[in-house]
Amino acid sequence: MPQTGRAVKRRLRRRFWVEAALAMLSAFLVLLTISWKDWVEIVFRVDPDHHSGTLEWVVVLTFVVGTIVCSALARREWLRSPAVSEAV
């Protein structure tokens, strides 16, 4: 006996995808900075903290805040998007 059901899709705006991508990027940069502390100095060829580690902690905290904010905004956009049900 075939089952009929309804799949629920959401009509997400571009804003959701931008916020979700920024949240993932900032989370990746948090993990990168925690695991490879000198990447900022190597990539940008500067050493403003003279290997004290201060810059790395500022980067981690900044990206943690960015991850939380972008995730919250993406979640809000997800919840505000209209759900559209389609026959399967």
PDB file of N, CA and C in Angstrom:
ATOM      1  N   MET A   1       0.837  -1.156   0.000  1.00  0.00           N
ATOM      2  CA  MET A   1       0.000   0.000   0.000  1.00  0.00           C
ATOM      3  C   MET A   1       0.900   1.243   0.000  1.00  0.00           C
ATOM      4  N   PRO A   2       0.791   2.091  -0.990  1.00  0.00           N
ATOM      5  CA  PRO A   2       1.652   3.269  -1.047  1.00  0.00           C
ATOM      6  C   PRO A   2       1.270   4.278   0.026  1.00  0.00           C
ATOM      7  N   GLN A   3       2.305   4.851   0.581  1.00  0.00           N
ATOM      8  CA  GLN A   3       2.068   5.864   1.605  1.00  0.00           C
ATOM      9  C   GLN A   3       2.133   7.243   0.964  1.00  0.00           C
ATOM     10  N   THR A   4       1.222   8.038   1.330  1.00  0.00           N
ATOM     11  CA  THR A   4       1.276   9.423   0.874  1.00  0.00           C
ATOM     12  C   THR A   4       1.615  10.281   2.066  1.00  0.00           C
ATOM     13  N   GLY A   5       2.446  11.199   1.833  1.00  0.00           N
ATOM     14  CA  GLY A   5       2.850  12.081   2.929  1.00  0.00           C
ATOM     15  C   GLY A   5       3.105  13.467   2.392  1.00  0.00           C
ATOM     16  N   ARG A   6       3.493  14.280   3.262  1.00  0.00           N
ATOM     17  CA  ARG A   6       3.779  15.653   2.872  1.00  0.00           C
ATOM     18  C   ARG A   6       5.182  15.986   3.360  1.00  0.00           C
ATOM     19  N   ALA A   7       5.944  16.515   2.451  1.00  0.00           N
ATOM     20  CA  ALA A   7       7.270  17.002   2.807  1.00  0.00           C
ATOM     21  C   ALA A   7       7.158  18.497   3.079  1.00  0.00           C
ATOM     22  N   VAL A   8       7.784  18.910   4.122  1.00  0.00           N
ATOM     23  CA  VAL A   8       7.740  20.329   4.471  1.00  0.00           C
ATOM     24  C   VAL A   8       9.044  20.970   4.032  1.00  0.00           C
ATOM     25  N   LYS A   9       8.908  21.976   3.210  1.00  0.00           N
ATOM     26  CA  LYS A   9      10.060  22.747   2.775  1.00  0.00           C
ATOM     27  C   LYS A   9       9.899  24.164   3.277  1.00  0.00           C
ATOM     28  N   ARG A  10      10.986  24.846   3.365  1.00  0.00           N
ATOM     29  CA  ARG A  10      10.955  26.241   3.788  1.00  0.00           C
ATOM     30  C   ARG A  10      11.449  27.110   2.641  1.00  0.00           C
ATOM     31  N   ARG A  11      10.832  28.227   2.510  1.00  0.00           N
ATOM     32  CA  ARG A  11      11.295  29.203   1.520  1.00  0.00           C
ATOM     33  C   ARG A  11      12.254  30.148   2.233  1.00  0.00           C
ATOM     34  N   LEU A  12      13.510  29.839   2.095  1.00  0.00           N
ATOM     35  CA  LEU A  12      14.529  30.610   2.802  1.00  0.00           C
ATOM     36  C   LEU A  12      15.043  31.734   1.915  1.00  0.00           C
ATOM     37  N   ARG A  13      15.193  32.877   2.526  1.00  0.00           N
ATOM     38  CA  ARG A  13      15.725  34.015   1.794  1.00  0.00           C
ATOM     39  C   ARG A  13      17.247  33.912   1.731  1.00  0.00           C
ATOM     40  N   ARG A  14      17.817  34.700   0.858  1.00  0.00           N
ATOM     41  CA  ARG A  14      19.276  34.726   0.705  1.00  0.00           C
ATOM     42  C   ARG A  14      19.946  35.110   2.023  1.00  0.00           C
ATOM     43  N   ARG A  15      19.272  35.917   2.798  1.00  0.00           N
ATOM     44  CA  ARG A  15      19.806  36.357   4.082  1.00  0.00           C
ATOM     45  C   ARG A  15      20.153  35.172   4.982  1.00  0.00           C
ATOM     46  N   PHE A  16      19.302  34.162   5.013  1.00  0.00           N
ATOM     47  CA  PHE A  16      19.580  32.973   5.821  1.00  0.00           C
ATOM     48  C   PHE A  16      20.880  32.326   5.391  1.00  0.00           C
ATOM     49  N   TRP A  17      21.054  32.153   4.086  1.00  0.00           N
ATOM     50  CA  TRP A  17      22.246  31.470   3.582  1.00  0.00           C
ATOM     51  C   TRP A  17      23.510  32.275   3.866  1.00  0.00           C
ATOM     52  N   VAL A  18      23.434  33.581   3.769  1.00  0.00           N
ATOM     53  CA  VAL A  18      24.592  34.421   4.090  1.00  0.00           C
ATOM     54  C   VAL A  18      24.940  34.302   5.571  1.00  0.00           C
ATOM     55  N   GLU A  19      23.948  34.389   6.433  1.00  0.00           N
ATOM     56  CA  GLU A  19      24.182  34.286   7.868  1.00  0.00           C
ATOM     57  C   GLU A  19      24.711  32.904   8.249  1.00  0.00           C
ATOM     58  N   ALA A  20      24.164  31.863   7.657  1.00  0.00           N
ATOM     59  CA  ALA A  20      24.633  30.507   7.951  1.00  0.00           C
ATOM     60  C   ALA A  20      26.063  30.316   7.464  1.00  0.00           C
ATOM     61  N   ALA A  21      26.385  30.830   6.286  1.00  0.00           N
ATOM     62  CA  ALA A  21      27.751  30.707   5.755  1.00  0.00           C
ATOM     63  C   ALA A  21      28.739  31.480   6.617  1.00  0.00           C
ATOM     64  N   LEU A  22      28.369  32.671   7.060  1.00  0.00           N
ATOM     65  CA  LEU A  22      29.250  33.447   7.934  1.00  0.00           C
ATOM     66  C   LEU A  22      29.452  32.755   9.284  1.00  0.00           C
ATOM     67  N   ALA A  23      28.406  32.129   9.800  1.00  0.00           N
ATOM     68  CA  ALA A  23      28.533  31.388  11.062  1.00  0.00           C
ATOM     69  C   ALA A  23      29.498  30.212  10.897  1.00  0.00           C
ATOM     70  N   MET A  24      29.382  29.499   9.784  1.00  0.00           N
ATOM     71  CA  MET A  24      30.282  28.367   9.548  1.00  0.00           C
ATOM     72  C   MET A  24      31.715  28.834   9.333  1.00  0.00           C
ATOM     73  N   LEU A  25      31.888  29.925   8.601  1.00  0.00           N
ATOM     74  CA  LEU A  25      33.231  30.454   8.357  1.00  0.00           C
ATOM     75  C   LEU A  25      33.874  30.905   9.663  1.00  0.00           C
ATOM     76  N   SER A  26      33.146  31.618  10.488  1.00  0.00           N
ATOM     77  CA  SER A  26      33.727  32.076  11.741  1.00  0.00           C
ATOM     78  C   SER A  26      34.008  30.910  12.694  1.00  0.00           C
ATOM     79  N   ALA A  27      33.172  29.890  12.689  1.00  0.00           N
ATOM     80  CA  ALA A  27      33.439  28.697  13.507  1.00  0.00           C
ATOM     81  C   ALA A  27      34.696  27.988  13.010  1.00  0.00           C
ATOM     82  N   PHE A  28      34.860  27.915  11.694  1.00  0.00           N
ATOM     83  CA  PHE A  28      36.076  27.317  11.129  1.00  0.00           C
ATOM     84  C   PHE A  28      37.309  28.108  11.552  1.00  0.00           C
ATOM     85  N   LEU A  29      37.217  29.431  11.518  1.00  0.00           N
ATOM     86  CA  LEU A  29      38.363  30.256  11.904  1.00  0.00           C
ATOM     87  C   LEU A  29      38.673  30.143  13.391  1.00  0.00           C
ATOM     88  N   VAL A  30      37.656  29.925  14.212  1.00  0.00           N
ATOM     89  CA  VAL A  30      37.903  29.668  15.636  1.00  0.00           C
ATOM     90  C   VAL A  30      38.715  28.388  15.791  1.00  0.00           C
ATOM     91  N   LEU A  31      38.274  27.328  15.131  1.00  0.00           N
ATOM     92  CA  LEU A  31      38.988  26.053  15.229  1.00  0.00           C
ATOM     93  C   LEU A  31      40.393  26.152  14.639  1.00  0.00           C
ATOM     94  N   LEU A  32      40.529  26.864  13.535  1.00  0.00           N
ATOM     95  CA  LEU A  32      41.846  27.051  12.927  1.00  0.00           C
ATOM     96  C   LEU A  32      42.783  27.789  13.869  1.00  0.00           C
ATOM     97  N   THR A  33      42.291  28.842  14.495  1.00  0.00           N
ATOM     98  CA  THR A  33      43.132  29.636  15.393  1.00  0.00           C
ATOM     99  C   THR A  33      43.505  28.856  16.643  1.00  0.00           C
ATOM    100  N   ILE A  34      42.593  28.044  17.142  1.00  0.00           N
ATOM    101  CA  ILE A  34      42.905  27.240  18.326  1.00  0.00           C
ATOM    102  C   ILE A  34      43.930  26.161  17.993  1.00  0.00           C
ATOM    103  N   SER A  35      43.808  25.549  16.825  1.00  0.00           N
ATOM    104  CA  SER A  35      44.711  24.445  16.481  1.00  0.00           C
ATOM    105  C   SER A  35      46.025  24.901  15.848  1.00  0.00           C
ATOM    106  N   TRP A  36      46.032  26.047  15.157  1.00  0.00           N
ATOM    107  CA  TRP A  36      47.248  26.529  14.501  1.00  0.00           C
ATOM    108  C   TRP A  36      47.383  28.005  14.830  1.00  0.00           C
ATOM    109  N   LYS A  37      48.050  28.289  15.931  1.00  0.00           N
ATOM    110  CA  LYS A  37      48.050  29.627  16.498  1.00  0.00           C
ATOM    111  C   LYS A  37      48.749  30.684  15.648  1.00  0.00           C
ATOM    112  N   ASP A  38      49.693  30.302  14.821  1.00  0.00           N
ATOM    113  CA  ASP A  38      50.480  31.286  14.067  1.00  0.00           C
ATOM    114  C   ASP A  38      49.935  31.580  12.679  1.00  0.00           C
ATOM    115  N   TRP A  39      48.744  31.101  12.353  1.00  0.00           N
ATOM    116  CA  TRP A  39      48.267  31.299  10.979  1.00  0.00           C
ATOM    117  C   TRP A  39      48.051  32.773  10.656  1.00  0.00           C
ATOM    118  N   VAL A  40      47.666  33.570  11.622  1.00  0.00           N
ATOM    119  CA  VAL A  40      47.428  34.997  11.370  1.00  0.00           C
ATOM    120  C   VAL A  40      48.737  35.678  10.989  1.00  0.00           C
ATOM    121  N   GLU A  41      49.784  35.393  11.762  1.00  0.00           N
ATOM    122  CA  GLU A  41      51.081  35.999  11.468  1.00  0.00           C
ATOM    123  C   GLU A  41      51.652  35.509  10.143  1.00  0.00           C
ATOM    124  N   ILE A  42      51.447  34.242   9.826  1.00  0.00           N
ATOM    125  CA  ILE A  42      51.979  33.688   8.577  1.00  0.00           C
ATOM    126  C   ILE A  42      51.235  34.248   7.370  1.00  0.00           C
ATOM    127  N   VAL A  43      49.918  34.263   7.430  1.00  0.00           N
ATOM    128  CA  VAL A  43      49.119  34.716   6.285  1.00  0.00           C
ATOM    129  C   VAL A  43      49.290  36.211   6.037  1.00  0.00           C
ATOM    130  N   PHE A  44      49.232  37.005   7.089  1.00  0.00           N
ATOM    131  CA  PHE A  44      49.283  38.457   6.919  1.00  0.00           C
ATOM    132  C   PHE A  44      50.689  39.035   7.071  1.00  0.00           C
ATOM    133  N   ARG A  45      51.647  38.201   7.414  1.00  0.00           N
ATOM    134  CA  ARG A  45      53.060  38.589   7.553  1.00  0.00           C
ATOM    135  C   ARG A  45      53.250  39.758   8.516  1.00  0.00           C
ATOM    136  N   VAL A  46      52.542  39.704   9.612  1.00  0.00           N
ATOM    137  CA  VAL A  46      52.699  40.686  10.685  1.00  0.00           C
ATOM    138  C   VAL A  46      52.785  39.938  12.007  1.00  0.00           C
ATOM    139  N   ASP A  47      53.420  40.560  12.968  1.00  0.00           N
ATOM    140  CA  ASP A  47      53.517  39.972  14.306  1.00  0.00           C
ATOM    141  C   ASP A  47      53.295  41.067  15.339  1.00  0.00           C
ATOM    142  N   PRO A  48      52.039  41.555  15.450  1.00  0.00           N
ATOM    143  CA  PRO A  48      51.788  42.690  16.336  1.00  0.00           C
ATOM    144  C   PRO A  48      51.950  42.383  17.824  1.00  0.00           C
ATOM    145  N   ASP A  49      51.810  41.126  18.218  1.00  0.00           N
ATOM    146  CA  ASP A  49      51.912  40.799  19.638  1.00  0.00           C
ATOM    147  C   ASP A  49      53.256  40.169  20.002  1.00  0.00           C
ATOM    148  N   HIS A  50      54.176  40.080  19.055  1.00  0.00           N
ATOM    149  CA  HIS A  50      55.522  39.531  19.279  1.00  0.00           C
ATOM    150  C   HIS A  50      55.468  38.155  19.946  1.00  0.00           C
ATOM    151  N   HIS A  51      54.637  37.299  19.413  1.00  0.00           N
ATOM    152  CA  HIS A  51      54.471  35.898  19.855  1.00  0.00           C
ATOM    153  C   HIS A  51      53.987  35.754  21.293  1.00  0.00           C
ATOM    154  N   SER A  52      53.261  36.741  21.800  1.00  0.00           N
ATOM    155  CA  SER A  52      52.738  36.622  23.168  1.00  0.00           C
ATOM    156  C   SER A  52      51.433  35.826  23.200  1.00  0.00           C
ATOM    157  N   GLY A  53      50.757  35.729  22.049  1.00  0.00           N
ATOM    158  CA  GLY A  53      49.497  34.995  21.988  1.00  0.00           C
ATOM    159  C   GLY A  53      48.274  35.867  22.187  1.00  0.00           C
ATOM    160  N   THR A  54      48.468  37.143  22.461  1.00  0.00           N
ATOM    161  CA  THR A  54      47.339  38.042  22.681  1.00  0.00           C
ATOM    162  C   THR A  54      46.473  38.176  21.440  1.00  0.00           C
ATOM    163  N   LEU A  55      47.109  38.340  20.291  1.00  0.00           N
ATOM    164  CA  LEU A  55      46.353  38.485  19.039  1.00  0.00           C
ATOM    165  C   LEU A  55      45.488  37.258  18.778  1.00  0.00           C
ATOM    166  N   GLU A  56      46.034  36.085  19.034  1.00  0.00           N
ATOM    167  CA  GLU A  56      45.280  34.859  18.781  1.00  0.00           C
ATOM    168  C   GLU A  56      44.035  34.779  19.659  1.00  0.00           C
ATOM    169  N   TRP A  57      44.147  35.191  20.926  1.00  0.00           N
ATOM    170  CA  TRP A  57      42.985  35.159  21.812  1.00  0.00           C
ATOM    171  C   TRP A  57      41.944  36.190  21.398  1.00  0.00           C
ATOM    172  N   VAL A  58      42.406  37.343  20.920  1.00  0.00           N
ATOM    173  CA  VAL A  58      41.468  38.351  20.423  1.00  0.00           C
ATOM    174  C   VAL A  58      40.738  37.818  19.192  1.00  0.00           C
ATOM    175  N   VAL A  59      41.474  37.146  18.301  1.00  0.00           N
ATOM    176  CA  VAL A  59      40.871  36.562  17.101  1.00  0.00           C
ATOM    177  C   VAL A  59      39.849  35.494  17.489  1.00  0.00           C
ATOM    178  N   VAL A  60      40.217  34.615  18.409  1.00  0.00           N
ATOM    179  CA  VAL A  60      39.301  33.551  18.842  1.00  0.00           C
ATOM    180  C   VAL A  60      38.032  34.147  19.448  1.00  0.00           C
ATOM    181  N   LEU A  61      38.179  35.090  20.355  1.00  0.00           N
ATOM    182  CA  LEU A  61      37.002  35.686  20.994  1.00  0.00           C
ATOM    183  C   LEU A  61      36.130  36.430  19.993  1.00  0.00           C
ATOM    184  N   THR A  62      36.763  37.131  19.059  1.00  0.00           N
ATOM    185  CA  THR A  62      36.003  37.849  18.035  1.00  0.00           C
ATOM    186  C   THR A  62      35.194  36.883  17.173  1.00  0.00           C
ATOM    187  N   PHE A  63      35.828  35.797  16.750  1.00  0.00           N
ATOM    188  CA  PHE A  63      35.122  34.842  15.901  1.00  0.00           C
ATOM    189  C   PHE A  63      34.106  34.013  16.676  1.00  0.00           C
ATOM    190  N   VAL A  64      34.321  33.792  17.955  1.00  0.00           N
ATOM    191  CA  VAL A  64      33.301  33.109  18.771  1.00  0.00           C
ATOM    192  C   VAL A  64      32.040  33.985  18.844  1.00  0.00           C
ATOM    193  N   VAL A  65      32.237  35.270  19.092  1.00  0.00           N
ATOM    194  CA  VAL A  65      31.093  36.190  19.126  1.00  0.00           C
ATOM    195  C   VAL A  65      30.422  36.228  17.753  1.00  0.00           C
ATOM    196  N   GLY A  66      31.224  36.276  16.692  1.00  0.00           N
ATOM    197  CA  GLY A  66      30.668  36.273  15.342  1.00  0.00           C
ATOM    198  C   GLY A  66      29.872  35.017  15.040  1.00  0.00           C
ATOM    199  N   THR A  67      30.374  33.877  15.492  1.00  0.00           N
ATOM    200  CA  THR A  67      29.670  32.609  15.290  1.00  0.00           C
ATOM    201  C   THR A  67      28.325  32.611  16.014  1.00  0.00           C
ATOM    202  N   ILE A  68      28.333  33.080  17.249  1.00  0.00           N
ATOM    203  CA  ILE A  68      27.093  33.106  18.035  1.00  0.00           C
ATOM    204  C   ILE A  68      26.075  34.057  17.409  1.00  0.00           C
ATOM    205  N   VAL A  69      26.517  35.239  17.031  1.00  0.00           N
ATOM    206  CA  VAL A  69      25.604  36.231  16.454  1.00  0.00           C
ATOM    207  C   VAL A  69      25.041  35.747  15.119  1.00  0.00           C
ATOM    208  N   CYS A  70      25.913  35.272  14.234  1.00  0.00           N
ATOM    209  CA  CYS A  70      25.440  34.817  12.916  1.00  0.00           C
ATOM    210  C   CYS A  70      24.542  33.592  13.033  1.00  0.00           C
ATOM    211  N   SER A  71      24.853  32.700  13.956  1.00  0.00           N
ATOM    212  CA  SER A  71      23.999  31.528  14.166  1.00  0.00           C
ATOM    213  C   SER A  71      22.624  31.941  14.676  1.00  0.00           C
ATOM    214  N   ALA A  72      22.593  32.876  15.608  1.00  0.00           N
ATOM    215  CA  ALA A  72      21.311  33.339  16.136  1.00  0.00           C
ATOM    216  C   ALA A  72      20.492  34.036  15.052  1.00  0.00           C
ATOM    217  N   LEU A  73      21.144  34.842  14.222  1.00  0.00           N
ATOM    218  CA  LEU A  73      20.431  35.506  13.140  1.00  0.00           C
ATOM    219  C   LEU A  73      19.906  34.508  12.108  1.00  0.00           C
ATOM    220  N   ALA A  74      20.720  33.506  11.780  1.00  0.00           N
ATOM    221  CA  ALA A  74      20.278  32.480  10.828  1.00  0.00           C
ATOM    222  C   ALA A  74      19.111  31.681  11.408  1.00  0.00           C
ATOM    223  N   ARG A  75      19.174  31.371  12.693  1.00  0.00           N
ATOM    224  CA  ARG A  75      18.072  30.638  13.337  1.00  0.00           C
ATOM    225  C   ARG A  75      16.792  31.460  13.304  1.00  0.00           C
ATOM    226  N   ARG A  76      16.916  32.748  13.591  1.00  0.00           N
ATOM    227  CA  ARG A  76      15.740  33.614  13.560  1.00  0.00           C
ATOM    228  C   ARG A  76      15.146  33.667  12.158  1.00  0.00           C
ATOM    229  N   GLU A  77      16.012  33.745  11.160  1.00  0.00           N
ATOM    230  CA  GLU A  77      15.539  33.775   9.776  1.00  0.00           C
ATOM    231  C   GLU A  77      14.872  32.451   9.414  1.00  0.00           C
ATOM    232  N   TRP A  78      15.416  31.339   9.888  1.00  0.00           N
ATOM    233  CA  TRP A  78      14.837  30.011   9.642  1.00  0.00           C
ATOM    234  C   TRP A  78      13.429  29.930  10.234  1.00  0.00           C
ATOM    235  N   LEU A  79      13.296  30.401  11.466  1.00  0.00           N
ATOM    236  CA  LEU A  79      11.994  30.323  12.136  1.00  0.00           C
ATOM    237  C   LEU A  79      10.972  31.262  11.498  1.00  0.00           C
ATOM    238  N   ARG A  80      11.419  32.354  10.920  1.00  0.00           N
ATOM    239  CA  ARG A  80      10.504  33.307  10.290  1.00  0.00           C
ATOM    240  C   ARG A  80      10.102  32.905   8.887  1.00  0.00           C
ATOM    241  N   SER A  81      10.834  31.968   8.287  1.00  0.00           N
ATOM    242  CA  SER A  81      10.537  31.590   6.907  1.00  0.00           C
ATOM    243  C   SER A  81       9.255  30.748   6.860  1.00  0.00           C
ATOM    244  N   PRO A  82       8.446  30.970   5.846  1.00  0.00           N
ATOM    245  CA  PRO A  82       7.185  30.219   5.747  1.00  0.00           C
ATOM    246  C   PRO A  82       7.452  28.749   5.370  1.00  0.00           C
ATOM    247  N   ALA A  83       6.756  27.868   6.017  1.00  0.00           N
ATOM    248  CA  ALA A  83       6.850  26.444   5.701  1.00  0.00           C
ATOM    249  C   ALA A  83       5.832  26.123   4.617  1.00  0.00           C
ATOM    250  N   VAL A  84       6.278  25.431   3.594  1.00  0.00           N
ATOM    251  CA  VAL A  84       5.409  25.059   2.481  1.00  0.00           C
ATOM    252  C   VAL A  84       5.404  23.543   2.415  1.00  0.00           C
ATOM    253  N   SER A  85       4.226  22.937   2.488  1.00  0.00           N
ATOM    254  CA  SER A  85       4.162  21.471   2.408  1.00  0.00           C
ATOM    255  C   SER A  85       3.874  21.061   0.980  1.00  0.00           C
ATOM    256  N   GLU A  86       4.560  20.002   0.578  1.00  0.00           N
ATOM    257  CA  GLU A  86       4.392  19.457  -0.770  1.00  0.00           C
ATOM    258  C   GLU A  86       4.063  17.982  -0.658  1.00  0.00           C
ATOM    259  N   ALA A  87       3.279  17.498  -1.612  1.00  0.00           N
ATOM    260  CA  ALA A  87       2.962  16.064  -1.643  1.00  0.00           C
ATOM    261  C   ALA A  87       4.197  15.302  -2.076  1.00  0.00           C
ATOM    262  N   VAL A  88       4.408  14.160  -1.419  1.00  0.00           N
ATOM    263  CA  VAL A  88       5.575  13.340  -1.748  1.00  0.00           C
ATOM    264  C   VAL A  88       5.194  12.293  -2.752  1.00  0.00           C
TER     265      VAL A  88
END
